[in-house]
Amino acid sequence: MTDAEFKAARKKLGLTQPQLARILAVNLTTVQRFEMSPDKPSASKVNPTAARVMDWMLAGYRPPEFPT
């Protein structure tokens, strides 16, 4: 999953960056770095586990931390 796909998935799920950080149990900065363009020095590749959780949520899974 690319940075743009990750961001688009978050928006499609109606989640803010802080909400997604809580669901993934990571710092807000981590989510922000996942969504940065790869040409930025502080950008990080999207973690494969985070990408898989996003795919599950897009398929209908809702973890307990998902806002109602």
PDB file of N, CA and C in Angstrom:
ATOM      1  N   MET A   1       0.859  -1.172   0.000  1.00  0.00           N
ATOM      2  CA  MET A   1       0.000   0.000   0.000  1.00  0.00           C
ATOM      3  C   MET A   1       0.906   1.237   0.000  1.00  0.00           C
ATOM      4  N   THR A   2       0.612   2.150  -0.901  1.00  0.00           N
ATOM      5  CA  THR A   2       1.394   3.382  -0.983  1.00  0.00           C
ATOM      6  C   THR A   2       0.896   4.393   0.049  1.00  0.00           C
ATOM      7  N   ASP A   3       1.652   5.458   0.190  1.00  0.00           N
ATOM      8  CA  ASP A   3       1.255   6.535   1.106  1.00  0.00           C
ATOM      9  C   ASP A   3      -0.093   7.123   0.705  1.00  0.00           C
ATOM     10  N   ALA A   4      -0.301   7.319  -0.591  1.00  0.00           N
ATOM     11  CA  ALA A   4      -1.563   7.893  -1.081  1.00  0.00           C
ATOM     12  C   ALA A   4      -2.730   6.927  -0.860  1.00  0.00           C
ATOM     13  N   GLU A   5      -2.511   5.638  -1.082  1.00  0.00           N
ATOM     14  CA  GLU A   5      -3.559   4.645  -0.854  1.00  0.00           C
ATOM     15  C   GLU A   5      -3.919   4.556   0.630  1.00  0.00           C
ATOM     16  N   PHE A   6      -2.907   4.642   1.477  1.00  0.00           N
ATOM     17  CA  PHE A   6      -3.126   4.591   2.927  1.00  0.00           C
ATOM     18  C   PHE A   6      -3.994   5.775   3.364  1.00  0.00           C
ATOM     19  N   LYS A   7      -3.643   6.952   2.897  1.00  0.00           N
ATOM     20  CA  LYS A   7      -4.403   8.158   3.239  1.00  0.00           C
ATOM     21  C   LYS A   7      -5.829   8.084   2.700  1.00  0.00           C
ATOM     22  N   ALA A   8      -5.975   7.619   1.468  1.00  0.00           N
ATOM     23  CA  ALA A   8      -7.306   7.494   0.861  1.00  0.00           C
ATOM     24  C   ALA A   8      -8.159   6.491   1.645  1.00  0.00           C
ATOM     25  N   ALA A   9      -7.558   5.400   2.098  1.00  0.00           N
ATOM     26  CA  ALA A   9      -8.287   4.397   2.875  1.00  0.00           C
ATOM     27  C   ALA A   9      -8.755   4.989   4.198  1.00  0.00           C
ATOM     28  N   ARG A  10      -7.869   5.753   4.855  1.00  0.00           N
ATOM     29  CA  ARG A  10      -8.244   6.391   6.132  1.00  0.00           C
ATOM     30  C   ARG A  10      -9.427   7.321   5.921  1.00  0.00           C
ATOM     31  N   LYS A  11      -9.366   8.126   4.868  1.00  0.00           N
ATOM     32  CA  LYS A  11     -10.453   9.066   4.593  1.00  0.00           C
ATOM     33  C   LYS A  11     -11.745   8.343   4.237  1.00  0.00           C
ATOM     34  N   LYS A  12     -11.640   7.249   3.471  1.00  0.00           N
ATOM     35  CA  LYS A  12     -12.824   6.475   3.108  1.00  0.00           C
ATOM     36  C   LYS A  12     -13.499   5.891   4.348  1.00  0.00           C
ATOM     37  N   LEU A  13     -12.691   5.524   5.342  1.00  0.00           N
ATOM     38  CA  LEU A  13     -13.220   4.985   6.595  1.00  0.00           C
ATOM     39  C   LEU A  13     -13.753   6.090   7.516  1.00  0.00           C
ATOM     40  N   GLY A  14     -13.513   7.349   7.150  1.00  0.00           N
ATOM     41  CA  GLY A  14     -13.987   8.468   7.951  1.00  0.00           C
ATOM     42  C   GLY A  14     -13.198   8.657   9.233  1.00  0.00           C
ATOM     43  N   LEU A  15     -11.932   8.271   9.211  1.00  0.00           N
ATOM     44  CA  LEU A  15     -11.095   8.369  10.409  1.00  0.00           C
ATOM     45  C   LEU A  15     -10.151   9.558  10.323  1.00  0.00           C
ATOM     46  N   THR A  16      -9.890  10.164  11.459  1.00  0.00           N
ATOM     47  CA  THR A  16      -8.853  11.186  11.543  1.00  0.00           C
ATOM     48  C   THR A  16      -7.526  10.482  11.782  1.00  0.00           C
ATOM     49  N   GLN A  17      -6.447  11.201  11.617  1.00  0.00           N
ATOM     50  CA  GLN A  17      -5.137  10.613  11.900  1.00  0.00           C
ATOM     51  C   GLN A  17      -5.025  10.174  13.362  1.00  0.00           C
ATOM     52  N   PRO A  18      -5.467  10.987  14.337  1.00  0.00           N
ATOM     53  CA  PRO A  18      -5.390  10.528  15.733  1.00  0.00           C
ATOM     54  C   PRO A  18      -6.228   9.270  16.000  1.00  0.00           C
ATOM     55  N   GLN A  19      -7.399   9.173  15.385  1.00  0.00           N
ATOM     56  CA  GLN A  19      -8.229   7.984  15.575  1.00  0.00           C
ATOM     57  C   GLN A  19      -7.531   6.746  15.012  1.00  0.00           C
ATOM     58  N   LEU A  20      -6.941   6.877  13.828  1.00  0.00           N
ATOM     59  CA  LEU A  20      -6.247   5.750  13.223  1.00  0.00           C
ATOM     60  C   LEU A  20      -5.021   5.369  14.045  1.00  0.00           C
ATOM     61  N   ALA A  21      -4.316   6.350  14.562  1.00  0.00           N
ATOM     62  CA  ALA A  21      -3.158   6.060  15.415  1.00  0.00           C
ATOM     63  C   ALA A  21      -3.585   5.239  16.626  1.00  0.00           C
ATOM     64  N   ARG A  22      -4.719   5.583  17.219  1.00  0.00           N
ATOM     65  CA  ARG A  22      -5.232   4.844  18.381  1.00  0.00           C
ATOM     66  C   ARG A  22      -5.566   3.406  17.991  1.00  0.00           C
ATOM     67  N   ILE A  23      -6.213   3.219  16.844  1.00  0.00           N
ATOM     68  CA  ILE A  23      -6.582   1.877  16.377  1.00  0.00           C
ATOM     69  C   ILE A  23      -5.341   1.032  16.129  1.00  0.00           C
ATOM     70  N   LEU A  24      -4.322   1.628  15.516  1.00  0.00           N
ATOM     71  CA  LEU A  24      -3.107   0.894  15.186  1.00  0.00           C
ATOM     72  C   LEU A  24      -2.128   0.802  16.357  1.00  0.00           C
ATOM     73  N   ALA A  25      -2.435   1.490  17.446  1.00  0.00           N
ATOM     74  CA  ALA A  25      -1.565   1.525  18.635  1.00  0.00           C
ATOM     75  C   ALA A  25      -0.173   2.060  18.287  1.00  0.00           C
ATOM     76  N   VAL A  26      -0.172   3.182  17.554  1.00  0.00           N
ATOM     77  CA  VAL A  26       1.076   3.856  17.196  1.00  0.00           C
ATOM     78  C   VAL A  26       0.929   5.341  17.527  1.00  0.00           C
ATOM     79  N   ASN A  27       2.029   6.056  17.476  1.00  0.00           N
ATOM     80  CA  ASN A  27       1.997   7.505  17.692  1.00  0.00           C
ATOM     81  C   ASN A  27       1.380   8.199  16.488  1.00  0.00           C
ATOM     82  N   LEU A  28       0.798   9.353  16.726  1.00  0.00           N
ATOM     83  CA  LEU A  28       0.239  10.158  15.644  1.00  0.00           C
ATOM     84  C   LEU A  28       1.298  10.438  14.583  1.00  0.00           C
ATOM     85  N   THR A  29       2.512  10.703  15.008  1.00  0.00           N
ATOM     86  CA  THR A  29       3.604  10.989  14.079  1.00  0.00           C
ATOM     87  C   THR A  29       3.823   9.835  13.106  1.00  0.00           C
ATOM     88  N   THR A  30       3.642   8.613  13.561  1.00  0.00           N
ATOM     89  CA  THR A  30       3.818   7.449  12.697  1.00  0.00           C
ATOM     90  C   THR A  30       2.802   7.467  11.561  1.00  0.00           C
ATOM     91  N   VAL A  31       1.541   7.736  11.889  1.00  0.00           N
ATOM     92  CA  VAL A  31       0.506   7.811  10.857  1.00  0.00           C
ATOM     93  C   VAL A  31       0.830   8.953   9.892  1.00  0.00           C
ATOM     94  N   GLN A  32       1.253  10.073  10.417  1.00  0.00           N
ATOM     95  CA  GLN A  32       1.598  11.212   9.560  1.00  0.00           C
ATOM     96  C   GLN A  32       2.739  10.855   8.612  1.00  0.00           C
ATOM     97  N   ARG A  33       3.717  10.116   9.092  1.00  0.00           N
ATOM     98  CA  ARG A  33       4.846   9.720   8.240  1.00  0.00           C
ATOM     99  C   ARG A  33       4.427   8.705   7.190  1.00  0.00           C
ATOM    100  N   PHE A  34       3.488   7.809   7.550  1.00  0.00           N
ATOM    101  CA  PHE A  34       2.974   6.855   6.570  1.00  0.00           C
ATOM    102  C   PHE A  34       2.312   7.585   5.410  1.00  0.00           C
ATOM    103  N   GLU A  35       1.676   8.723   5.691  1.00  0.00           N
ATOM    104  CA  GLU A  35       0.913   9.453   4.678  1.00  0.00           C
ATOM    105  C   GLU A  35       1.739  10.485   3.914  1.00  0.00           C
ATOM    106  N   MET A  36       2.994  10.661   4.290  1.00  0.00           N
ATOM    107  CA  MET A  36       3.856  11.627   3.600  1.00  0.00           C
ATOM    108  C   MET A  36       4.314  11.102   2.261  1.00  0.00           C
ATOM    109  N   SER A  37       4.509  12.021   1.352  1.00  0.00           N
ATOM    110  CA  SER A  37       5.081  11.662   0.054  1.00  0.00           C
ATOM    111  C   SER A  37       6.467  11.063   0.285  1.00  0.00           C
ATOM    112  N   PRO A  38       6.797   9.981  -0.414  1.00  0.00           N
ATOM    113  CA  PRO A  38       8.080   9.321  -0.174  1.00  0.00           C
ATOM    114  C   PRO A  38       9.313  10.175  -0.450  1.00  0.00           C
ATOM    115  N   ASP A  39       9.147  11.292  -1.144  1.00  0.00           N
ATOM    116  CA  ASP A  39      10.307  12.147  -1.422  1.00  0.00           C
ATOM    117  C   ASP A  39      10.663  13.051  -0.241  1.00  0.00           C
ATOM    118  N   LYS A  40       9.841  13.053   0.800  1.00  0.00           N
ATOM    119  CA  LYS A  40      10.146  13.847   1.996  1.00  0.00           C
ATOM    120  C   LYS A  40      11.108  13.052   2.878  1.00  0.00           C
ATOM    121  N   PRO A  41      12.094  13.723   3.460  1.00  0.00           N
ATOM    122  CA  PRO A  41      13.109  13.007   4.237  1.00  0.00           C
ATOM    123  C   PRO A  41      12.564  12.267   5.462  1.00  0.00           C
ATOM    124  N   SER A  42      11.509  12.751   6.072  1.00  0.00           N
ATOM    125  CA  SER A  42      11.000  12.102   7.281  1.00  0.00           C
ATOM    126  C   SER A  42       9.891  11.087   7.001  1.00  0.00           C
ATOM    127  N   ALA A  43       9.590  10.839   5.724  1.00  0.00           N
ATOM    128  CA  ALA A  43       8.539   9.884   5.367  1.00  0.00           C
ATOM    129  C   ALA A  43       8.963   8.460   5.719  1.00  0.00           C
ATOM    130  N   SER A  44       7.982   7.626   6.023  1.00  0.00           N
ATOM    131  CA  SER A  44       8.221   6.207   6.299  1.00  0.00           C
ATOM    132  C   SER A  44       7.357   5.387   5.361  1.00  0.00           C
ATOM    133  N   LYS A  45       7.853   4.220   4.986  1.00  0.00           N
ATOM    134  CA  LYS A  45       7.007   3.320   4.211  1.00  0.00           C
ATOM    135  C   LYS A  45       5.883   2.830   5.098  1.00  0.00           C
ATOM    136  N   VAL A  46       4.728   2.578   4.503  1.00  0.00           N
ATOM    137  CA  VAL A  46       3.598   2.066   5.260  1.00  0.00           C
ATOM    138  C   VAL A  46       3.959   0.668   5.761  1.00  0.00           C
ATOM    139  N   ASN A  47       3.802   0.470   7.052  1.00  0.00           N
ATOM    140  CA  ASN A  47       4.076  -0.816   7.670  1.00  0.00           C
ATOM    141  C   ASN A  47       3.123  -1.861   7.097  1.00  0.00           C
ATOM    142  N   PRO A  48       3.608  -3.052   6.721  1.00  0.00           N
ATOM    143  CA  PRO A  48       2.732  -4.072   6.142  1.00  0.00           C
ATOM    144  C   PRO A  48       1.583  -4.488   7.067  1.00  0.00           C
ATOM    145  N   THR A  49       1.827  -4.516   8.357  1.00  0.00           N
ATOM    146  CA  THR A  49       0.762  -4.873   9.300  1.00  0.00           C
ATOM    147  C   THR A  49      -0.308  -3.790   9.321  1.00  0.00           C
ATOM    148  N   ALA A  50       0.103  -2.528   9.315  1.00  0.00           N
ATOM    149  CA  ALA A  50      -0.854  -1.425   9.287  1.00  0.00           C
ATOM    150  C   ALA A  50      -1.667  -1.465   8.002  1.00  0.00           C
ATOM    151  N   ALA A  51      -1.017  -1.775   6.890  1.00  0.00           N
ATOM    152  CA  ALA A  51      -1.724  -1.874   5.612  1.00  0.00           C
ATOM    153  C   ALA A  51      -2.752  -2.999   5.652  1.00  0.00           C
ATOM    154  N   ARG A  52      -2.403  -4.117   6.274  1.00  0.00           N
ATOM    155  CA  ARG A  52      -3.328  -5.248   6.358  1.00  0.00           C
ATOM    156  C   ARG A  52      -4.543  -4.876   7.222  1.00  0.00           C
ATOM    157  N   VAL A  53      -4.317  -4.191   8.335  1.00  0.00           N
ATOM    158  CA  VAL A  53      -5.431  -3.756   9.190  1.00  0.00           C
ATOM    159  C   VAL A  53      -6.340  -2.802   8.412  1.00  0.00           C
ATOM    160  N   MET A  54      -5.754  -1.909   7.627  1.00  0.00           N
ATOM    161  CA  MET A  54      -6.560  -0.996   6.808  1.00  0.00           C
ATOM    162  C   MET A  54      -7.412  -1.790   5.828  1.00  0.00           C
ATOM    163  N   ASP A  55      -6.809  -2.802   5.189  1.00  0.00           N
ATOM    164  CA  ASP A  55      -7.565  -3.642   4.252  1.00  0.00           C
ATOM    165  C   ASP A  55      -8.726  -4.336   4.957  1.00  0.00           C
ATOM    166  N   TRP A  56      -8.489  -4.846   6.154  1.00  0.00           N
ATOM    167  CA  TRP A  56      -9.552  -5.513   6.924  1.00  0.00           C
ATOM    168  C   TRP A  56     -10.677  -4.533   7.239  1.00  0.00           C
ATOM    169  N   MET A  57     -10.308  -3.319   7.653  1.00  0.00           N
ATOM    170  CA  MET A  57     -11.340  -2.334   7.988  1.00  0.00           C
ATOM    171  C   MET A  57     -12.125  -1.939   6.742  1.00  0.00           C
ATOM    172  N   LEU A  58     -11.455  -1.833   5.610  1.00  0.00           N
ATOM    173  CA  LEU A  58     -12.167  -1.525   4.365  1.00  0.00           C
ATOM    174  C   LEU A  58     -13.129  -2.649   3.992  1.00  0.00           C
ATOM    175  N   ALA A  59     -12.800  -3.870   4.410  1.00  0.00           N
ATOM    176  CA  ALA A  59     -13.654  -5.028   4.125  1.00  0.00           C
ATOM    177  C   ALA A  59     -14.783  -5.186   5.145  1.00  0.00           C
ATOM    178  N   GLY A  60     -14.808  -4.336   6.178  1.00  0.00           N
ATOM    179  CA  GLY A  60     -15.911  -4.362   7.125  1.00  0.00           C
ATOM    180  C   GLY A  60     -15.555  -4.646   8.563  1.00  0.00           C
ATOM    181  N   TYR A  61     -14.315  -5.064   8.840  1.00  0.00           N
ATOM    182  CA  TYR A  61     -13.901  -5.324  10.224  1.00  0.00           C
ATOM    183  C   TYR A  61     -13.838  -4.016  10.999  1.00  0.00           C
ATOM    184  N   ARG A  62     -14.347  -4.031  12.203  1.00  0.00           N
ATOM    185  CA  ARG A  62     -14.288  -2.856  13.072  1.00  0.00           C
ATOM    186  C   ARG A  62     -13.682  -3.266  14.414  1.00  0.00           C
ATOM    187  N   PRO A  63     -12.447  -2.826  14.695  1.00  0.00           N
ATOM    188  CA  PRO A  63     -11.839  -3.148  15.981  1.00  0.00           C
ATOM    189  C   PRO A  63     -12.557  -2.408  17.103  1.00  0.00           C
ATOM    190  N   PRO A  64     -12.364  -2.836  18.342  1.00  0.00           N
ATOM    191  CA  PRO A  64     -13.042  -2.183  19.469  1.00  0.00           C
ATOM    192  C   PRO A  64     -12.744  -0.686  19.568  1.00  0.00           C
ATOM    193  N   GLU A  65     -11.557  -0.273  19.075  1.00  0.00           N
ATOM    194  CA  GLU A  65     -11.162   1.140  19.159  1.00  0.00           C
ATOM    195  C   GLU A  65     -11.807   1.993  18.081  1.00  0.00           C
ATOM    196  N   PHE A  66     -12.516   1.378  17.150  1.00  0.00           N
ATOM    197  CA  PHE A  66     -13.115   2.123  16.046  1.00  0.00           C
ATOM    198  C   PHE A  66     -14.202   3.038  16.590  1.00  0.00           C
ATOM    199  N   PRO A  67     -14.169   4.320  16.231  1.00  0.00           N
ATOM    200  CA  PRO A  67     -15.188   5.249  16.732  1.00  0.00           C
ATOM    201  C   PRO A  67     -16.574   4.907  16.195  1.00  0.00           C
ATOM    202  N   THR A  68     -17.567   5.101  17.028  1.00  0.00           N
ATOM    203  CA  THR A  68     -18.947   4.798  16.613  1.00  0.00           C
ATOM    204  C   THR A  68     -19.677   6.037  16.161  1.00  0.00           C
TER     205      THR A  68
END
